[in-house]
Amino acid sequence: MNSSQVNGKVDEVVGSIKRNAGKVTGNTPLQVKGIAQQTKGKLEGVLGTAKDKAKDVVRQANHGADQGANRKTRVQRDTRP
């Protein structure tokens, strides 16, 4: 879990508390702020997940490139007299 995902979860929880507090007390502006903060948290969590997936793709691409370079070196060694 990266920092974007953690911050997103915090915003979701705090937003939920604000929304519910606003609902219980009849404070509509607080309720709206809570909904906005929850939404922000969800979006930040999605961003964090996308960052993790992008890092995984780069890692896999680099790993594949390393394997290709190793394979080429082995072939060159095998074909020398």
PDB file of N, CA and C in Angstrom:
ATOM      1  N   MET A   1       0.849  -1.172   0.000  1.00  0.00           N
ATOM      2  CA  MET A   1       0.000   0.000   0.000  1.00  0.00           C
ATOM      3  C   MET A   1       0.900   1.242   0.000  1.00  0.00           C
ATOM      4  N   ASN A   2       0.688   2.125  -0.958  1.00  0.00           N
ATOM      5  CA  ASN A   2       1.517   3.334  -1.043  1.00  0.00           C
ATOM      6  C   ASN A   2       0.844   4.514  -0.340  1.00  0.00           C
ATOM      7  N   SER A   3       1.552   5.639  -0.291  1.00  0.00           N
ATOM      8  CA  SER A   3       1.052   6.796   0.466  1.00  0.00           C
ATOM      9  C   SER A   3      -0.263   7.340  -0.099  1.00  0.00           C
ATOM     10  N   SER A   4      -0.439   7.273  -1.410  1.00  0.00           N
ATOM     11  CA  SER A   4      -1.703   7.745  -1.996  1.00  0.00           C
ATOM     12  C   SER A   4      -2.875   6.899  -1.511  1.00  0.00           C
ATOM     13  N   GLN A   5      -2.654   5.606  -1.428  1.00  0.00           N
ATOM     14  CA  GLN A   5      -3.719   4.722  -0.965  1.00  0.00           C
ATOM     15  C   GLN A   5      -4.027   4.962   0.509  1.00  0.00           C
ATOM     16  N   VAL A   6      -2.985   5.165   1.316  1.00  0.00           N
ATOM     17  CA  VAL A   6      -3.190   5.426   2.747  1.00  0.00           C
ATOM     18  C   VAL A   6      -3.925   6.748   2.945  1.00  0.00           C
ATOM     19  N   ASN A   7      -3.451   7.797   2.270  1.00  0.00           N
ATOM     20  CA  ASN A   7      -4.115   9.103   2.381  1.00  0.00           C
ATOM     21  C   ASN A   7      -5.559   9.026   1.902  1.00  0.00           C
ATOM     22  N   GLY A   8      -5.780   8.248   0.860  1.00  0.00           N
ATOM     23  CA  GLY A   8      -7.137   8.073   0.354  1.00  0.00           C
ATOM     24  C   GLY A   8      -8.054   7.428   1.377  1.00  0.00           C
ATOM     25  N   LYS A   9      -7.555   6.388   2.046  1.00  0.00           N
ATOM     26  CA  LYS A   9      -8.357   5.721   3.071  1.00  0.00           C
ATOM     27  C   LYS A   9      -8.674   6.672   4.228  1.00  0.00           C
ATOM     28  N   VAL A  10      -7.668   7.462   4.618  1.00  0.00           N
ATOM     29  CA  VAL A  10      -7.886   8.425   5.709  1.00  0.00           C
ATOM     30  C   VAL A  10      -8.980   9.407   5.311  1.00  0.00           C
ATOM     31  N   ASP A  11      -8.897   9.949   4.089  1.00  0.00           N
ATOM     32  CA  ASP A  11      -9.920  10.893   3.629  1.00  0.00           C
ATOM     33  C   ASP A  11     -11.296  10.235   3.564  1.00  0.00           C
ATOM     34  N   GLU A  12     -11.344   8.977   3.144  1.00  0.00           N
ATOM     35  CA  GLU A  12     -12.627   8.276   3.090  1.00  0.00           C
ATOM     36  C   GLU A  12     -13.244   8.156   4.484  1.00  0.00           C
ATOM     37  N   VAL A  13     -12.436   7.779   5.454  1.00  0.00           N
ATOM     38  CA  VAL A  13     -12.945   7.589   6.816  1.00  0.00           C
ATOM     39  C   VAL A  13     -13.370   8.922   7.434  1.00  0.00           C
ATOM     40  N   VAL A  14     -12.510   9.927   7.319  1.00  0.00           N
ATOM     41  CA  VAL A  14     -12.839  11.241   7.884  1.00  0.00           C
ATOM     42  C   VAL A  14     -14.073  11.814   7.188  1.00  0.00           C
ATOM     43  N   GLY A  15     -14.145  11.650   5.875  1.00  0.00           N
ATOM     44  CA  GLY A  15     -15.305  12.126   5.130  1.00  0.00           C
ATOM     45  C   GLY A  15     -16.587  11.437   5.565  1.00  0.00           C
ATOM     46  N   SER A  16     -16.486  10.147   5.818  1.00  0.00           N
ATOM     47  CA  SER A  16     -17.653   9.397   6.269  1.00  0.00           C
ATOM     48  C   SER A  16     -18.129   9.896   7.636  1.00  0.00           C
ATOM     49  N   ILE A  17     -17.169  10.168   8.515  1.00  0.00           N
ATOM     50  CA  ILE A  17     -17.523  10.693   9.846  1.00  0.00           C
ATOM     51  C   ILE A  17     -18.206  12.049   9.709  1.00  0.00           C
ATOM     52  N   LYS A  18     -17.652  12.927   8.878  1.00  0.00           N
ATOM     53  CA  LYS A  18     -18.253  14.254   8.679  1.00  0.00           C
ATOM     54  C   LYS A  18     -19.655  14.138   8.088  1.00  0.00           C
ATOM     55  N   ARG A  19     -19.782  13.269   7.093  1.00  0.00           N
ATOM     56  CA  ARG A  19     -21.087  13.094   6.438  1.00  0.00           C
ATOM     57  C   ARG A  19     -22.131  12.623   7.437  1.00  0.00           C
ATOM     58  N   ASN A  20     -21.774  11.621   8.230  1.00  0.00           N
ATOM     59  CA  ASN A  20     -22.723  11.092   9.214  1.00  0.00           C
ATOM     60  C   ASN A  20     -23.023  12.106  10.321  1.00  0.00           C
ATOM     61  N   ALA A  21     -21.999  12.838  10.747  1.00  0.00           N
ATOM     62  CA  ALA A  21     -22.223  13.872  11.770  1.00  0.00           C
ATOM     63  C   ALA A  21     -23.156  14.944  11.231  1.00  0.00           C
ATOM     64  N   GLY A  22     -22.945  15.332   9.975  1.00  0.00           N
ATOM     65  CA  GLY A  22     -23.817  16.319   9.358  1.00  0.00           C
ATOM     66  C   GLY A  22     -25.242  15.817   9.222  1.00  0.00           C
ATOM     67  N   LYS A  23     -25.373  14.535   8.906  1.00  0.00           N
ATOM     68  CA  LYS A  23     -26.706  13.946   8.754  1.00  0.00           C
ATOM     69  C   LYS A  23     -27.434  13.901  10.098  1.00  0.00           C
ATOM     70  N   VAL A  24     -26.736  13.481  11.145  1.00  0.00           N
ATOM     71  CA  VAL A  24     -27.343  13.356  12.476  1.00  0.00           C
ATOM     72  C   VAL A  24     -27.743  14.722  13.043  1.00  0.00           C
ATOM     73  N   THR A  25     -26.868  15.713  12.814  1.00  0.00           N
ATOM     74  CA  THR A  25     -27.128  17.038  13.396  1.00  0.00           C
ATOM     75  C   THR A  25     -27.957  17.942  12.491  1.00  0.00           C
ATOM     76  N   GLY A  26     -28.220  17.488  11.284  1.00  0.00           N
ATOM     77  CA  GLY A  26     -28.968  18.319  10.348  1.00  0.00           C
ATOM     78  C   GLY A  26     -28.123  19.421   9.728  1.00  0.00           C
ATOM     79  N   ASN A  27     -26.818  19.276   9.795  1.00  0.00           N
ATOM     80  CA  ASN A  27     -25.881  20.258   9.251  1.00  0.00           C
ATOM     81  C   ASN A  27     -25.535  19.873   7.807  1.00  0.00           C
ATOM     82  N   THR A  28     -26.310  20.389   6.874  1.00  0.00           N
ATOM     83  CA  THR A  28     -26.137  20.032   5.463  1.00  0.00           C
ATOM     84  C   THR A  28     -24.764  20.402   4.918  1.00  0.00           C
ATOM     85  N   PRO A  29     -24.215  21.600   5.215  1.00  0.00           N
ATOM     86  CA  PRO A  29     -22.879  21.913   4.711  1.00  0.00           C
ATOM     87  C   PRO A  29     -21.811  20.910   5.173  1.00  0.00           C
ATOM     88  N   LEU A  30     -21.893  20.447   6.412  1.00  0.00           N
ATOM     89  CA  LEU A  30     -20.938  19.459   6.912  1.00  0.00           C
ATOM     90  C   LEU A  30     -21.121  18.134   6.183  1.00  0.00           C
ATOM     91  N   GLN A  31     -22.366  17.787   5.936  1.00  0.00           N
ATOM     92  CA  GLN A  31     -22.677  16.557   5.210  1.00  0.00           C
ATOM     93  C   GLN A  31     -22.074  16.611   3.802  1.00  0.00           C
ATOM     94  N   VAL A  32     -22.227  17.745   3.135  1.00  0.00           N
ATOM     95  CA  VAL A  32     -21.689  17.905   1.774  1.00  0.00           C
ATOM     96  C   VAL A  32     -20.160  17.853   1.796  1.00  0.00           C
ATOM     97  N   LYS A  33     -19.539  18.504   2.784  1.00  0.00           N
ATOM     98  CA  LYS A  33     -18.071  18.452   2.901  1.00  0.00           C
ATOM     99  C   LYS A  33     -17.599  17.015   3.114  1.00  0.00           C
ATOM    100  N   GLY A  34     -18.341  16.275   3.903  1.00  0.00           N
ATOM    101  CA  GLY A  34     -17.990  14.879   4.145  1.00  0.00           C
ATOM    102  C   GLY A  34     -18.067  14.043   2.884  1.00  0.00           C
ATOM    103  N   ILE A  35     -19.119  14.248   2.107  1.00  0.00           N
ATOM    104  CA  ILE A  35     -19.271  13.519   0.844  1.00  0.00           C
ATOM    105  C   ILE A  35     -18.125  13.870  -0.098  1.00  0.00           C
ATOM    106  N   ALA A  36     -17.771  15.152  -0.157  1.00  0.00           N
ATOM    107  CA  ALA A  36     -16.669  15.583  -1.025  1.00  0.00           C
ATOM    108  C   ALA A  36     -15.351  14.955  -0.584  1.00  0.00           C
ATOM    109  N   GLN A  37     -15.117  14.904   0.720  1.00  0.00           N
ATOM    110  CA  GLN A  37     -13.867  14.336   1.220  1.00  0.00           C
ATOM    111  C   GLN A  37     -13.821  12.826   0.974  1.00  0.00           C
ATOM    112  N   GLN A  38     -14.948  12.166   1.115  1.00  0.00           N
ATOM    113  CA  GLN A  38     -15.014  10.732   0.816  1.00  0.00           C
ATOM    114  C   GLN A  38     -14.677  10.477  -0.651  1.00  0.00           C
ATOM    115  N   THR A  39     -15.255  11.275  -1.526  1.00  0.00           N
ATOM    116  CA  THR A  39     -15.012  11.130  -2.964  1.00  0.00           C
ATOM    117  C   THR A  39     -13.543  11.367  -3.282  1.00  0.00           C
ATOM    118  N   LYS A  40     -12.975  12.398  -2.676  1.00  0.00           N
ATOM    119  CA  LYS A  40     -11.549  12.684  -2.865  1.00  0.00           C
ATOM    120  C   LYS A  40     -10.715  11.484  -2.427  1.00  0.00           C
ATOM    121  N   GLY A  41     -11.076  10.895  -1.300  1.00  0.00           N
ATOM    122  CA  GLY A  41     -10.351   9.734  -0.795  1.00  0.00           C
ATOM    123  C   GLY A  41     -10.430   8.550  -1.738  1.00  0.00           C
ATOM    124  N   LYS A  42     -11.605   8.302  -2.278  1.00  0.00           N
ATOM    125  CA  LYS A  42     -11.759   7.190  -3.224  1.00  0.00           C
ATOM    126  C   LYS A  42     -10.909   7.413  -4.461  1.00  0.00           C
ATOM    127  N   LEU A  43     -10.916   8.647  -4.971  1.00  0.00           N
ATOM    128  CA  LEU A  43     -10.121   8.954  -6.160  1.00  0.00           C
ATOM    129  C   LEU A  43      -8.627   8.816  -5.877  1.00  0.00           C
ATOM    130  N   GLU A  44      -8.202   9.250  -4.706  1.00  0.00           N
ATOM    131  CA  GLU A  44      -6.790   9.144  -4.351  1.00  0.00           C
ATOM    132  C   GLU A  44      -6.389   7.668  -4.219  1.00  0.00           C
ATOM    133  N   GLY A  45      -7.277   6.859  -3.701  1.00  0.00           N
ATOM    134  CA  GLY A  45      -7.012   5.422  -3.617  1.00  0.00           C
ATOM    135  C   GLY A  45      -6.869   4.790  -4.987  1.00  0.00           C
ATOM    136  N   VAL A  46      -7.722   5.190  -5.916  1.00  0.00           N
ATOM    137  CA  VAL A  46      -7.637   4.687  -7.291  1.00  0.00           C
ATOM    138  C   VAL A  46      -6.318   5.128  -7.928  1.00  0.00           C
ATOM    139  N   LEU A  47      -5.933   6.367  -7.686  1.00  0.00           N
ATOM    140  CA  LEU A  47      -4.656   6.861  -8.198  1.00  0.00           C
ATOM    141  C   LEU A  47      -3.499   6.037  -7.645  1.00  0.00           C
ATOM    142  N   GLY A  48      -3.541   5.738  -6.362  1.00  0.00           N
ATOM    143  CA  GLY A  48      -2.496   4.924  -5.745  1.00  0.00           C
ATOM    144  C   GLY A  48      -2.417   3.538  -6.351  1.00  0.00           C
ATOM    145  N   THR A  49      -3.566   2.937  -6.611  1.00  0.00           N
ATOM    146  CA  THR A  49      -3.597   1.616  -7.244  1.00  0.00           C
ATOM    147  C   THR A  49      -3.017   1.688  -8.647  1.00  0.00           C
ATOM    148  N   ALA A  50      -3.348   2.731  -9.387  1.00  0.00           N
ATOM    149  CA  ALA A  50      -2.810   2.903 -10.742  1.00  0.00           C
ATOM    150  C   ALA A  50      -1.288   3.064 -10.698  1.00  0.00           C
ATOM    151  N   LYS A  51      -0.792   3.806  -9.711  1.00  0.00           N
ATOM    152  CA  LYS A  51       0.663   3.969  -9.567  1.00  0.00           C
ATOM    153  C   LYS A  51       1.329   2.615  -9.327  1.00  0.00           C
ATOM    154  N   ASP A  52       0.744   1.808  -8.450  1.00  0.00           N
ATOM    155  CA  ASP A  52       1.305   0.489  -8.167  1.00  0.00           C
ATOM    156  C   ASP A  52       1.329  -0.382  -9.417  1.00  0.00           C
ATOM    157  N   LYS A  53       0.237  -0.363 -10.161  1.00  0.00           N
ATOM    158  CA  LYS A  53       0.171  -1.179 -11.379  1.00  0.00           C
ATOM    159  C   LYS A  53       1.186  -0.709 -12.416  1.00  0.00           C
ATOM    160  N   ALA A  54       1.358   0.608 -12.541  1.00  0.00           N
ATOM    161  CA  ALA A  54       2.339   1.143 -13.486  1.00  0.00           C
ATOM    162  C   ALA A  54       3.752   0.714 -13.083  1.00  0.00           C
ATOM    163  N   LYS A  55       4.037   0.754 -11.788  1.00  0.00           N
ATOM    164  CA  LYS A  55       5.359   0.307 -11.320  1.00  0.00           C
ATOM    165  C   LYS A  55       5.575  -1.161 -11.623  1.00  0.00           C
ATOM    166  N   ASP A  56       4.528  -1.978 -11.452  1.00  0.00           N
ATOM    167  CA  ASP A  56       4.626  -3.404 -11.757  1.00  0.00           C
ATOM    168  C   ASP A  56       4.914  -3.636 -13.238  1.00  0.00           C
ATOM    169  N   VAL A  57       4.248  -2.882 -14.097  1.00  0.00           N
ATOM    170  CA  VAL A  57       4.464  -3.025 -15.543  1.00  0.00           C
ATOM    171  C   VAL A  57       5.909  -2.667 -15.891  1.00  0.00           C
ATOM    172  N   VAL A  58       6.413  -1.583 -15.321  1.00  0.00           N
ATOM    173  CA  VAL A  58       7.794  -1.170 -15.596  1.00  0.00           C
ATOM    174  C   VAL A  58       8.759  -2.231 -15.082  1.00  0.00           C
ATOM    175  N   ARG A  59       8.497  -2.750 -13.886  1.00  0.00           N
ATOM    176  CA  ARG A  59       9.359  -3.793 -13.315  1.00  0.00           C
ATOM    177  C   ARG A  59       9.388  -5.019 -14.214  1.00  0.00           C
ATOM    178  N   GLN A  60       8.210  -5.436 -14.693  1.00  0.00           N
ATOM    179  CA  GLN A  60       8.138  -6.609 -15.561  1.00  0.00           C
ATOM    180  C   GLN A  60       8.846  -6.350 -16.884  1.00  0.00           C
ATOM    181  N   ALA A  61       8.694  -5.149 -17.426  1.00  0.00           N
ATOM    182  CA  ALA A  61       9.367  -4.817 -18.689  1.00  0.00           C
ATOM    183  C   ALA A  61      10.881  -4.836 -18.507  1.00  0.00           C
ATOM    184  N   ASN A  62      11.353  -4.280 -17.412  1.00  0.00           N
ATOM    185  CA  ASN A  62      12.792  -4.283 -17.142  1.00  0.00           C
ATOM    186  C   ASN A  62      13.305  -5.695 -16.931  1.00  0.00           C
ATOM    187  N   HIS A  63      12.532  -6.506 -16.248  1.00  0.00           N
ATOM    188  CA  HIS A  63      12.928  -7.896 -16.011  1.00  0.00           C
ATOM    189  C   HIS A  63      13.008  -8.648 -17.341  1.00  0.00           C
ATOM    190  N   GLY A  64      12.030  -8.424 -18.207  1.00  0.00           N
ATOM    191  CA  GLY A  64      12.042  -9.069 -19.527  1.00  0.00           C
ATOM    192  C   GLY A  64      13.217  -8.613 -20.359  1.00  0.00           C
ATOM    193  N   ALA A  65      13.560  -7.333 -20.290  1.00  0.00           N
ATOM    194  CA  ALA A  65      14.708  -6.813 -21.035  1.00  0.00           C
ATOM    195  C   ALA A  65      15.994  -7.419 -20.503  1.00  0.00           C
ATOM    196  N   ASP A  66      16.105  -7.572 -19.189  1.00  0.00           N
ATOM    197  CA  ASP A  66      17.293  -8.185 -18.595  1.00  0.00           C
ATOM    198  C   ASP A  66      17.434  -9.629 -19.048  1.00  0.00           C
ATOM    199  N   GLN A  67      16.328 -10.353 -19.090  1.00  0.00           N
ATOM    200  CA  GLN A  67      16.382 -11.748 -19.534  1.00  0.00           C
ATOM    201  C   GLN A  67      16.788 -11.837 -20.994  1.00  0.00           C
ATOM    202  N   GLY A  68      16.286 -10.925 -21.810  1.00  0.00           N
ATOM    203  CA  GLY A  68      16.653 -10.909 -23.220  1.00  0.00           C
ATOM    204  C   GLY A  68      18.139 -10.640 -23.399  1.00  0.00           C
ATOM    205  N   ALA A  69      18.690  -9.732 -22.639  1.00  0.00           N
ATOM    206  CA  ALA A  69      20.124  -9.430 -22.715  1.00  0.00           C
ATOM    207  C   ALA A  69      20.942 -10.632 -22.270  1.00  0.00           C
ATOM    208  N   ASN A  70      20.500 -11.323 -21.235  1.00  0.00           N
ATOM    209  CA  ASN A  70      21.211 -12.518 -20.766  1.00  0.00           C
ATOM    210  C   ASN A  70      21.170 -13.621 -21.803  1.00  0.00           C
ATOM    211  N   ARG A  71      20.032 -13.796 -22.448  1.00  0.00           N
ATOM    212  CA  ARG A  71      19.879 -14.815 -23.470  1.00  0.00           C
ATOM    213  C   ARG A  71      20.823 -14.529 -24.635  1.00  0.00           C
ATOM    214  N   LYS A  72      20.934 -13.295 -25.055  1.00  0.00           N
ATOM    215  CA  LYS A  72      21.803 -12.913 -26.164  1.00  0.00           C
ATOM    216  C   LYS A  72      23.264 -13.209 -25.809  1.00  0.00           C
ATOM    217  N   THR A  73      23.666 -12.925 -24.598  1.00  0.00           N
ATOM    218  CA  THR A  73      25.028 -13.181 -24.162  1.00  0.00           C
ATOM    219  C   THR A  73      25.313 -14.675 -24.193  1.00  0.00           C
ATOM    220  N   ARG A  74      24.394 -15.507 -23.743  1.00  0.00           N
ATOM    221  CA  ARG A  74      24.601 -16.958 -23.757  1.00  0.00           C
ATOM    222  C   ARG A  74      24.738 -17.474 -25.181  1.00  0.00           C
ATOM    223  N   VAL A  75      23.920 -16.970 -26.092  1.00  0.00           N
ATOM    224  CA  VAL A  75      23.986 -17.413 -27.488  1.00  0.00           C
ATOM    225  C   VAL A  75      25.329 -17.038 -28.079  1.00  0.00           C
ATOM    226  N   GLN A  76      25.816 -15.849 -27.814  1.00  0.00           N
ATOM    227  CA  GLN A  76      27.101 -15.407 -28.337  1.00  0.00           C
ATOM    228  C   GLN A  76      28.220 -16.301 -27.807  1.00  0.00           C
ATOM    229  N   ARG A  77      28.170 -16.649 -26.542  1.00  0.00           N
ATOM    230  CA  ARG A  77      29.214 -17.502 -25.964  1.00  0.00           C
ATOM    231  C   ARG A  77      29.166 -18.887 -26.595  1.00  0.00           C
ATOM    232  N   ASP A  78      27.980 -19.421 -26.830  1.00  0.00           N
ATOM    233  CA  ASP A  78      27.835 -20.775 -27.365  1.00  0.00           C
ATOM    234  C   ASP A  78      28.302 -20.867 -28.811  1.00  0.00           C
ATOM    235  N   THR A  79      28.237 -19.798 -29.574  1.00  0.00           N
ATOM    236  CA  THR A  79      28.582 -19.883 -30.991  1.00  0.00           C
ATOM    237  C   THR A  79      30.058 -19.601 -31.252  1.00  0.00           C
ATOM    238  N   ARG A  80      30.809 -19.221 -30.276  1.00  0.00           N
ATOM    239  CA  ARG A  80      32.243 -18.954 -30.465  1.00  0.00           C
ATOM    240  C   ARG A  80      32.994 -20.287 -30.522  1.00  0.00           C
ATOM    241  N   PRO A  81      34.007 -20.338 -31.382  1.00  0.00           N
ATOM    242  CA  PRO A  81      34.789 -21.615 -31.497  1.00  0.00           C
ATOM    243  C   PRO A  81      35.620 -21.907 -30.271  1.00  0.00           C
TER     244      PRO A  81
END
